[in-house]
Amino acid sequence: MNIVRLHPDSAGQRDEGHARARIFGEEANSLYPGQAWDDVEPHMAGDWRQVRGDSGLSWEQVRAQARAAWLVAQLHSDDRLRDNAPVRLQA
């Protein structure tokens, strides 16, 4: 039986760096509340060396994943997600 990995390790790199980037992106919403991505991203890029742990992934390699997690966390913040609000159709 052949096992196919969807995300093969690059040079033996585990997925831990990618997971850390996603967590970092989510947490950036509370670290930098109310700020735009363009303002937050330079801080995150500078902090990545401390956050990445033993991962050898650069900020450029994980930036998109961190931003996606940041966007999802923004959508789930209390002041943005209003799925229970009534829908009013204009006649």
PDB file of N, CA and C in Angstrom:
ATOM      1  N   MET A   1       0.842  -1.175   0.000  1.00  0.00           N
ATOM      2  CA  MET A   1       0.000   0.000   0.000  1.00  0.00           C
ATOM      3  C   MET A   1       0.892   1.244   0.000  1.00  0.00           C
ATOM      4  N   ASN A   2       0.653   2.131  -0.940  1.00  0.00           N
ATOM      5  CA  ASN A   2       1.398   3.383  -0.993  1.00  0.00           C
ATOM      6  C   ASN A   2       0.640   4.457  -0.237  1.00  0.00           C
ATOM      7  N   ILE A   3       1.364   5.214   0.566  1.00  0.00           N
ATOM      8  CA  ILE A   3       0.764   6.325   1.305  1.00  0.00           C
ATOM      9  C   ILE A   3       1.180   7.608   0.605  1.00  0.00           C
ATOM     10  N   VAL A   4       0.197   8.409   0.246  1.00  0.00           N
ATOM     11  CA  VAL A   4       0.456   9.678  -0.423  1.00  0.00           C
ATOM     12  C   VAL A   4       0.171  10.789   0.571  1.00  0.00           C
ATOM     13  N   ARG A   5       1.164  11.628   0.772  1.00  0.00           N
ATOM     14  CA  ARG A   5       0.978  12.765   1.674  1.00  0.00           C
ATOM     15  C   ARG A   5       0.578  13.971   0.848  1.00  0.00           C
ATOM     16  N   LEU A   6      -0.457  14.657   1.294  1.00  0.00           N
ATOM     17  CA  LEU A   6      -0.930  15.824   0.559  1.00  0.00           C
ATOM     18  C   LEU A   6       0.013  17.008   0.684  1.00  0.00           C
ATOM     19  N   HIS A   7       0.686  17.111   1.813  1.00  0.00           N
ATOM     20  CA  HIS A   7       1.623  18.205   2.049  1.00  0.00           C
ATOM     21  C   HIS A   7       2.976  17.610   2.415  1.00  0.00           C
ATOM     22  N   PRO A   8       3.740  17.219   1.433  1.00  0.00           N
ATOM     23  CA  PRO A   8       5.018  16.590   1.756  1.00  0.00           C
ATOM     24  C   PRO A   8       5.943  17.547   2.489  1.00  0.00           C
ATOM     25  N   ASP A   9       6.719  17.000   3.405  1.00  0.00           N
ATOM     26  CA  ASP A   9       7.684  17.809   4.138  1.00  0.00           C
ATOM     27  C   ASP A   9       8.731  18.337   3.186  1.00  0.00           C
ATOM     28  N   SER A  10       9.067  19.565   3.321  1.00  0.00           N
ATOM     29  CA  SER A  10      10.119  20.173   2.518  1.00  0.00           C
ATOM     30  C   SER A  10      11.416  20.072   3.303  1.00  0.00           C
ATOM     31  N   ALA A  11      12.355  19.314   2.773  1.00  0.00           N
ATOM     32  CA  ALA A  11      13.656  19.103   3.421  1.00  0.00           C
ATOM     33  C   ALA A  11      13.475  18.624   4.854  1.00  0.00           C
ATOM     34  N   GLY A  12      12.514  17.739   5.071  1.00  0.00           N
ATOM     35  CA  GLY A  12      12.299  17.187   6.406  1.00  0.00           C
ATOM     36  C   GLY A  12      11.565  18.119   7.348  1.00  0.00           C
ATOM     37  N   GLN A  13      11.063  19.220   6.839  1.00  0.00           N
ATOM     38  CA  GLN A  13      10.383  20.210   7.682  1.00  0.00           C
ATOM     39  C   GLN A  13       8.999  19.703   8.087  1.00  0.00           C
ATOM     40  N   ARG A  14       8.716  19.725   9.347  1.00  0.00           N
ATOM     41  CA  ARG A  14       7.389  19.338   9.813  1.00  0.00           C
ATOM     42  C   ARG A  14       6.415  20.486   9.616  1.00  0.00           C
ATOM     43  N   ASP A  15       5.148  20.202   9.765  1.00  0.00           N
ATOM     44  CA  ASP A  15       4.104  21.204   9.557  1.00  0.00           C
ATOM     45  C   ASP A  15       3.953  22.143  10.751  1.00  0.00           C
ATOM     46  N   GLU A  16       4.779  22.008  11.762  1.00  0.00           N
ATOM     47  CA  GLU A  16       4.648  22.836  12.969  1.00  0.00           C
ATOM     48  C   GLU A  16       4.742  24.329  12.655  1.00  0.00           C
ATOM     49  N   GLY A  17       5.621  24.711  11.758  1.00  0.00           N
ATOM     50  CA  GLY A  17       5.759  26.118  11.399  1.00  0.00           C
ATOM     51  C   GLY A  17       4.497  26.680  10.789  1.00  0.00           C
ATOM     52  N   HIS A  18       3.833  25.878   9.960  1.00  0.00           N
ATOM     53  CA  HIS A  18       2.572  26.318   9.359  1.00  0.00           C
ATOM     54  C   HIS A  18       1.492  26.475  10.431  1.00  0.00           C
ATOM     55  N   ALA A  19       1.437  25.544  11.348  1.00  0.00           N
ATOM     56  CA  ALA A  19       0.454  25.626  12.436  1.00  0.00           C
ATOM     57  C   ALA A  19       0.723  26.847  13.302  1.00  0.00           C
ATOM     58  N   ARG A  20       1.982  27.088  13.612  1.00  0.00           N
ATOM     59  CA  ARG A  20       2.333  28.268  14.415  1.00  0.00           C
ATOM     60  C   ARG A  20       1.937  29.560  13.697  1.00  0.00           C
ATOM     61  N   ALA A  21       2.093  29.605  12.381  1.00  0.00           N
ATOM     62  CA  ALA A  21       1.722  30.794  11.620  1.00  0.00           C
ATOM     63  C   ALA A  21       0.221  31.039  11.684  1.00  0.00           C
ATOM     64  N   ARG A  22      -0.549  29.951  11.589  1.00  0.00           N
ATOM     65  CA  ARG A  22      -2.007  30.101  11.666  1.00  0.00           C
ATOM     66  C   ARG A  22      -2.431  30.579  13.056  1.00  0.00           C
ATOM     67  N   ILE A  23      -1.850  30.026  14.077  1.00  0.00           N
ATOM     68  CA  ILE A  23      -2.165  30.452  15.447  1.00  0.00           C
ATOM     69  C   ILE A  23      -1.759  31.907  15.649  1.00  0.00           C
ATOM     70  N   PHE A  24      -0.574  32.261  15.166  1.00  0.00           N
ATOM     71  CA  PHE A  24      -0.078  33.631  15.272  1.00  0.00           C
ATOM     72  C   PHE A  24      -1.023  34.599  14.565  1.00  0.00           C
ATOM     73  N   GLY A  25      -1.526  34.207  13.407  1.00  0.00           N
ATOM     74  CA  GLY A  25      -2.473  35.044  12.682  1.00  0.00           C
ATOM     75  C   GLY A  25      -3.760  35.264  13.453  1.00  0.00           C
ATOM     76  N   GLU A  26      -4.264  34.201  14.076  1.00  0.00           N
ATOM     77  CA  GLU A  26      -5.478  34.328  14.891  1.00  0.00           C
ATOM     78  C   GLU A  26      -5.233  35.235  16.083  1.00  0.00           C
ATOM     79  N   GLU A  27      -4.131  35.042  16.762  1.00  0.00           N
ATOM     80  CA  GLU A  27      -3.837  35.807  17.972  1.00  0.00           C
ATOM     81  C   GLU A  27      -3.512  37.268  17.684  1.00  0.00           C
ATOM     82  N   ALA A  28      -3.112  37.562  16.461  1.00  0.00           N
ATOM     83  CA  ALA A  28      -2.783  38.941  16.102  1.00  0.00           C
ATOM     84  C   ALA A  28      -3.980  39.870  16.263  1.00  0.00           C
ATOM     85  N   ASN A  29      -5.183  39.325  16.172  1.00  0.00           N
ATOM     86  CA  ASN A  29      -6.372  40.159  16.356  1.00  0.00           C
ATOM     87  C   ASN A  29      -6.461  40.728  17.758  1.00  0.00           C
ATOM     88  N   SER A  30      -6.058  39.957  18.755  1.00  0.00           N
ATOM     89  CA  SER A  30      -6.064  40.483  20.115  1.00  0.00           C
ATOM     90  C   SER A  30      -4.772  41.235  20.437  1.00  0.00           C
ATOM     91  N   LEU A  31      -3.676  40.888  19.762  1.00  0.00           N
ATOM     92  CA  LEU A  31      -2.419  41.611  19.969  1.00  0.00           C
ATOM     93  C   LEU A  31      -2.473  43.020  19.386  1.00  0.00           C
ATOM     94  N   TYR A  32      -3.163  43.161  18.269  1.00  0.00           N
ATOM     95  CA  TYR A  32      -3.269  44.438  17.563  1.00  0.00           C
ATOM     96  C   TYR A  32      -4.741  44.735  17.251  1.00  0.00           C
ATOM     97  N   PRO A  33      -5.550  44.961  18.272  1.00  0.00           N
ATOM     98  CA  PRO A  33      -7.002  45.119  18.048  1.00  0.00           C
ATOM     99  C   PRO A  33      -7.338  46.339  17.192  1.00  0.00           C
ATOM    100  N   GLY A  34      -8.261  46.117  16.263  1.00  0.00           N
ATOM    101  CA  GLY A  34      -8.773  47.197  15.438  1.00  0.00           C
ATOM    102  C   GLY A  34      -7.834  47.713  14.363  1.00  0.00           C
ATOM    103  N   GLN A  35      -6.687  47.068  14.182  1.00  0.00           N
ATOM    104  CA  GLN A  35      -5.727  47.537  13.181  1.00  0.00           C
ATOM    105  C   GLN A  35      -5.895  46.774  11.872  1.00  0.00           C
ATOM    106  N   ALA A  36      -5.528  47.423  10.781  1.00  0.00           N
ATOM    107  CA  ALA A  36      -5.601  46.816   9.452  1.00  0.00           C
ATOM    108  C   ALA A  36      -4.406  45.881   9.254  1.00  0.00           C
ATOM    109  N   TRP A  37      -4.568  44.889   8.355  1.00  0.00           N
ATOM    110  CA  TRP A  37      -3.493  43.939   8.069  1.00  0.00           C
ATOM    111  C   TRP A  37      -2.201  44.650   7.664  1.00  0.00           C
ATOM    112  N   ASP A  38      -2.306  45.687   6.855  1.00  0.00           N
ATOM    113  CA  ASP A  38      -1.107  46.393   6.393  1.00  0.00           C
ATOM    114  C   ASP A  38      -0.330  47.019   7.553  1.00  0.00           C
ATOM    115  N   ASP A  39      -1.017  47.332   8.642  1.00  0.00           N
ATOM    116  CA  ASP A  39      -0.352  47.877   9.825  1.00  0.00           C
ATOM    117  C   ASP A  39       0.177  46.765  10.735  1.00  0.00           C
ATOM    118  N   VAL A  40      -0.534  45.660  10.770  1.00  0.00           N
ATOM    119  CA  VAL A  40      -0.196  44.537  11.650  1.00  0.00           C
ATOM    120  C   VAL A  40       0.941  43.686  11.079  1.00  0.00           C
ATOM    121  N   GLU A  41       0.935  43.455   9.794  1.00  0.00           N
ATOM    122  CA  GLU A  41       1.870  42.526   9.159  1.00  0.00           C
ATOM    123  C   GLU A  41       3.343  42.834   9.409  1.00  0.00           C
ATOM    124  N   PRO A  42       3.790  44.095   9.373  1.00  0.00           N
ATOM    125  CA  PRO A  42       5.208  44.345   9.665  1.00  0.00           C
ATOM    126  C   PRO A  42       5.613  43.930  11.079  1.00  0.00           C
ATOM    127  N   HIS A  43       4.705  44.101  12.048  1.00  0.00           N
ATOM    128  CA  HIS A  43       4.985  43.673  13.426  1.00  0.00           C
ATOM    129  C   HIS A  43       5.102  42.153  13.492  1.00  0.00           C
ATOM    130  N   MET A  44       4.181  41.480  12.817  1.00  0.00           N
ATOM    131  CA  MET A  44       4.192  40.028  12.814  1.00  0.00           C
ATOM    132  C   MET A  44       5.452  39.494  12.134  1.00  0.00           C
ATOM    133  N   ALA A  45       5.834  40.108  11.033  1.00  0.00           N
ATOM    134  CA  ALA A  45       7.044  39.681  10.324  1.00  0.00           C
ATOM    135  C   ALA A  45       8.261  39.802  11.229  1.00  0.00           C
ATOM    136  N   GLY A  46       8.319  40.897  11.994  1.00  0.00           N
ATOM    137  CA  GLY A  46       9.427  41.096  12.917  1.00  0.00           C
ATOM    138  C   GLY A  46       9.434  40.120  14.076  1.00  0.00           C
ATOM    139  N   ASP A  47       8.245  39.706  14.509  1.00  0.00           N
ATOM    140  CA  ASP A  47       8.124  38.791  15.652  1.00  0.00           C
ATOM    141  C   ASP A  47       8.216  37.317  15.251  1.00  0.00           C
ATOM    142  N   TRP A  48       8.182  37.024  13.959  1.00  0.00           N
ATOM    143  CA  TRP A  48       8.115  35.643  13.506  1.00  0.00           C
ATOM    144  C   TRP A  48       9.278  34.800  14.021  1.00  0.00           C
ATOM    145  N   ARG A  49      10.475  35.346  14.101  1.00  0.00           N
ATOM    146  CA  ARG A  49      11.638  34.560  14.567  1.00  0.00           C
ATOM    147  C   ARG A  49      11.416  34.024  15.985  1.00  0.00           C
ATOM    148  N   GLN A  50      10.773  34.792  16.848  1.00  0.00           N
ATOM    149  CA  GLN A  50      10.501  34.320  18.205  1.00  0.00           C
ATOM    150  C   GLN A  50       9.335  33.345  18.246  1.00  0.00           C
ATOM    151  N   VAL A  51       8.354  33.544  17.384  1.00  0.00           N
ATOM    152  CA  VAL A  51       7.130  32.753  17.398  1.00  0.00           C
ATOM    153  C   VAL A  51       7.292  31.393  16.719  1.00  0.00           C
ATOM    154  N   ARG A  52       8.158  31.313  15.734  1.00  0.00           N
ATOM    155  CA  ARG A  52       8.230  30.108  14.907  1.00  0.00           C
ATOM    156  C   ARG A  52       8.838  28.897  15.597  1.00  0.00           C
ATOM    157  N   GLY A  53       9.423  29.067  16.762  1.00  0.00           N
ATOM    158  CA  GLY A  53      10.016  27.930  17.460  1.00  0.00           C
ATOM    159  C   GLY A  53      11.182  27.363  16.688  1.00  0.00           C
ATOM    160  N   ASP A  54      11.193  26.047  16.502  1.00  0.00           N
ATOM    161  CA  ASP A  54      12.281  25.377  15.786  1.00  0.00           C
ATOM    162  C   ASP A  54      12.061  25.332  14.278  1.00  0.00           C
ATOM    163  N   SER A  55      10.978  25.898  13.813  1.00  0.00           N
ATOM    164  CA  SER A  55      10.672  25.863  12.391  1.00  0.00           C
ATOM    165  C   SER A  55      11.690  26.695  11.613  1.00  0.00           C
ATOM    166  N   GLY A  56      12.086  26.185  10.482  1.00  0.00           N
ATOM    167  CA  GLY A  56      13.002  26.908   9.600  1.00  0.00           C
ATOM    168  C   GLY A  56      12.282  27.723   8.541  1.00  0.00           C
ATOM    169  N   LEU A  57      10.963  27.749   8.602  1.00  0.00           N
ATOM    170  CA  LEU A  57      10.182  28.477   7.603  1.00  0.00           C
ATOM    171  C   LEU A  57      10.337  29.981   7.801  1.00  0.00           C
ATOM    172  N   SER A  58      10.494  30.686   6.702  1.00  0.00           N
ATOM    173  CA  SER A  58      10.608  32.145   6.761  1.00  0.00           C
ATOM    174  C   SER A  58       9.208  32.763   6.824  1.00  0.00           C
ATOM    175  N   TRP A  59       9.172  34.039   7.151  1.00  0.00           N
ATOM    176  CA  TRP A  59       7.890  34.745   7.184  1.00  0.00           C
ATOM    177  C   TRP A  59       7.237  34.722   5.805  1.00  0.00           C
ATOM    178  N   GLU A  60       8.027  34.874   4.760  1.00  0.00           N
ATOM    179  CA  GLU A  60       7.470  34.853   3.407  1.00  0.00           C
ATOM    180  C   GLU A  60       6.808  33.512   3.096  1.00  0.00           C
ATOM    181  N   GLN A  61       7.307  32.431   3.663  1.00  0.00           N
ATOM    182  CA  GLN A  61       6.736  31.107   3.408  1.00  0.00           C
ATOM    183  C   GLN A  61       5.415  30.891   4.147  1.00  0.00           C
ATOM    184  N   VAL A  62       5.174  31.612   5.215  1.00  0.00           N
ATOM    185  CA  VAL A  62       3.964  31.387   6.012  1.00  0.00           C
ATOM    186  C   VAL A  62       3.037  32.605   6.055  1.00  0.00           C
ATOM    187  N   ARG A  63       3.444  33.679   5.422  1.00  0.00           N
ATOM    188  CA  ARG A  63       2.678  34.935   5.476  1.00  0.00           C
ATOM    189  C   ARG A  63       1.224  34.748   5.039  1.00  0.00           C
ATOM    190  N   ALA A  64       0.999  34.062   3.944  1.00  0.00           N
ATOM    191  CA  ALA A  64      -0.363  33.883   3.427  1.00  0.00           C
ATOM    192  C   ALA A  64      -1.227  33.103   4.413  1.00  0.00           C
ATOM    193  N   GLN A  65      -0.662  32.094   5.057  1.00  0.00           N
ATOM    194  CA  GLN A  65      -1.429  31.315   6.035  1.00  0.00           C
ATOM    195  C   GLN A  65      -1.754  32.163   7.261  1.00  0.00           C
ATOM    196  N   ALA A  66      -0.794  32.964   7.701  1.00  0.00           N
ATOM    197  CA  ALA A  66      -1.034  33.835   8.851  1.00  0.00           C
ATOM    198  C   ALA A  66      -2.126  34.859   8.521  1.00  0.00           C
ATOM    199  N   ARG A  67      -2.080  35.408   7.314  1.00  0.00           N
ATOM    200  CA  ARG A  67      -3.092  36.394   6.926  1.00  0.00           C
ATOM    201  C   ARG A  67      -4.477  35.760   6.831  1.00  0.00           C
ATOM    202  N   ALA A  68      -4.561  34.574   6.277  1.00  0.00           N
ATOM    203  CA  ALA A  68      -5.852  33.894   6.183  1.00  0.00           C
ATOM    204  C   ALA A  68      -6.433  33.654   7.578  1.00  0.00           C
ATOM    205  N   ALA A  69      -5.612  33.213   8.503  1.00  0.00           N
ATOM    206  CA  ALA A  69      -6.083  32.987   9.879  1.00  0.00           C
ATOM    207  C   ALA A  69      -6.475  34.304  10.528  1.00  0.00           C
ATOM    208  N   TRP A  70      -5.739  35.366  10.244  1.00  0.00           N
ATOM    209  CA  TRP A  70      -6.064  36.681  10.772  1.00  0.00           C
ATOM    210  C   TRP A  70      -7.430  37.152  10.264  1.00  0.00           C
ATOM    211  N   LEU A  71      -7.686  36.934   8.960  1.00  0.00           N
ATOM    212  CA  LEU A  71      -8.968  37.322   8.371  1.00  0.00           C
ATOM    213  C   LEU A  71     -10.132  36.541   8.968  1.00  0.00           C
ATOM    214  N   VAL A  72      -9.956  35.243   9.145  1.00  0.00           N
ATOM    215  CA  VAL A  72     -11.009  34.413   9.737  1.00  0.00           C
ATOM    216  C   VAL A  72     -11.297  34.872  11.157  1.00  0.00           C
ATOM    217  N   ALA A  73     -10.254  35.136  11.928  1.00  0.00           N
ATOM    218  CA  ALA A  73     -10.446  35.604  13.305  1.00  0.00           C
ATOM    219  C   ALA A  73     -11.161  36.950  13.318  1.00  0.00           C
ATOM    220  N   GLN A  74     -10.875  37.799  12.352  1.00  0.00           N
ATOM    221  CA  GLN A  74     -11.571  39.094  12.261  1.00  0.00           C
ATOM    222  C   GLN A  74     -13.062  38.886  12.022  1.00  0.00           C
ATOM    223  N   LEU A  75     -13.395  37.944  11.149  1.00  0.00           N
ATOM    224  CA  LEU A  75     -14.801  37.677  10.854  1.00  0.00           C
ATOM    225  C   LEU A  75     -15.547  37.111  12.052  1.00  0.00           C
ATOM    226  N   HIS A  76     -14.825  36.431  12.921  1.00  0.00           N
ATOM    227  CA  HIS A  76     -15.453  35.824  14.087  1.00  0.00           C
ATOM    228  C   HIS A  76     -15.461  36.722  15.315  1.00  0.00           C
ATOM    229  N   SER A  77     -14.892  37.900  15.205  1.00  0.00           N
ATOM    230  CA  SER A  77     -14.890  38.796  16.355  1.00  0.00           C
ATOM    231  C   SER A  77     -16.322  39.261  16.631  1.00  0.00           C
ATOM    232  N   ASP A  78     -16.582  39.602  17.856  1.00  0.00           N
ATOM    233  CA  ASP A  78     -17.946  39.942  18.294  1.00  0.00           C
ATOM    234  C   ASP A  78     -18.572  41.080  17.502  1.00  0.00           C
ATOM    235  N   ASP A  79     -17.787  42.044  17.090  1.00  0.00           N
ATOM    236  CA  ASP A  79     -18.368  43.205  16.429  1.00  0.00           C
ATOM    237  C   ASP A  79     -18.521  43.040  14.915  1.00  0.00           C
ATOM    238  N   ARG A  80     -18.170  41.875  14.364  1.00  0.00           N
ATOM    239  CA  ARG A  80     -18.255  41.698  12.919  1.00  0.00           C
ATOM    240  C   ARG A  80     -19.224  40.608  12.474  1.00  0.00           C
ATOM    241  N   LEU A  81     -19.358  39.568  13.248  1.00  0.00           N
ATOM    242  CA  LEU A  81     -20.201  38.448  12.836  1.00  0.00           C
ATOM    243  C   LEU A  81     -21.599  38.647  13.405  1.00  0.00           C
ATOM    244  N   ARG A  82     -22.563  38.847  12.532  1.00  0.00           N
ATOM    245  CA  ARG A  82     -23.932  39.110  12.976  1.00  0.00           C
ATOM    246  C   ARG A  82     -24.904  38.216  12.219  1.00  0.00           C
ATOM    247  N   ASP A  83     -24.669  36.925  12.267  1.00  0.00           N
ATOM    248  CA  ASP A  83     -25.531  35.982  11.555  1.00  0.00           C
ATOM    249  C   ASP A  83     -26.943  35.917  12.113  1.00  0.00           C
ATOM    250  N   ASN A  84     -27.119  36.334  13.348  1.00  0.00           N
ATOM    251  CA  ASN A  84     -28.443  36.246  13.957  1.00  0.00           C
ATOM    252  C   ASN A  84     -29.262  37.523  13.745  1.00  0.00           C
ATOM    253  N   ALA A  85     -28.732  38.482  13.010  1.00  0.00           N
ATOM    254  CA  ALA A  85     -29.455  39.712  12.753  1.00  0.00           C
ATOM    255  C   ALA A  85     -30.563  39.442  11.725  1.00  0.00           C
ATOM    256  N   PRO A  86     -31.715  40.068  11.917  1.00  0.00           N
ATOM    257  CA  PRO A  86     -32.812  39.840  10.954  1.00  0.00           C
ATOM    258  C   PRO A  86     -32.470  40.419   9.584  1.00  0.00           C
ATOM    259  N   VAL A  87     -32.987  39.780   8.564  1.00  0.00           N
ATOM    260  CA  VAL A  87     -32.796  40.230   7.197  1.00  0.00           C
ATOM    261  C   VAL A  87     -34.037  41.009   6.788  1.00  0.00           C
ATOM    262  N   ARG A  88     -33.828  42.198   6.292  1.00  0.00           N
ATOM    263  CA  ARG A  88     -34.947  43.025   5.871  1.00  0.00           C
ATOM    264  C   ARG A  88     -34.850  43.263   4.371  1.00  0.00           C
ATOM    265  N   LEU A  89     -35.865  42.865   3.674  1.00  0.00           N
ATOM    266  CA  LEU A  89     -35.900  43.054   2.226  1.00  0.00           C
ATOM    267  C   LEU A  89     -36.612  44.353   1.934  1.00  0.00           C
ATOM    268  N   GLN A  90     -36.022  45.138   1.052  1.00  0.00           N
ATOM    269  CA  GLN A  90     -36.668  46.391   0.669  1.00  0.00           C
ATOM    270  C   GLN A  90     -37.631  46.131  -0.482  1.00  0.00           C
ATOM    271  N   ALA A  91     -38.790  46.729  -0.401  1.00  0.00           N
ATOM    272  CA  ALA A  91     -39.804  46.543  -1.429  1.00  0.00           C
ATOM    273  C   ALA A  91     -39.538  47.355  -2.649  1.00  0.00           C
TER     274      ALA A  91
END
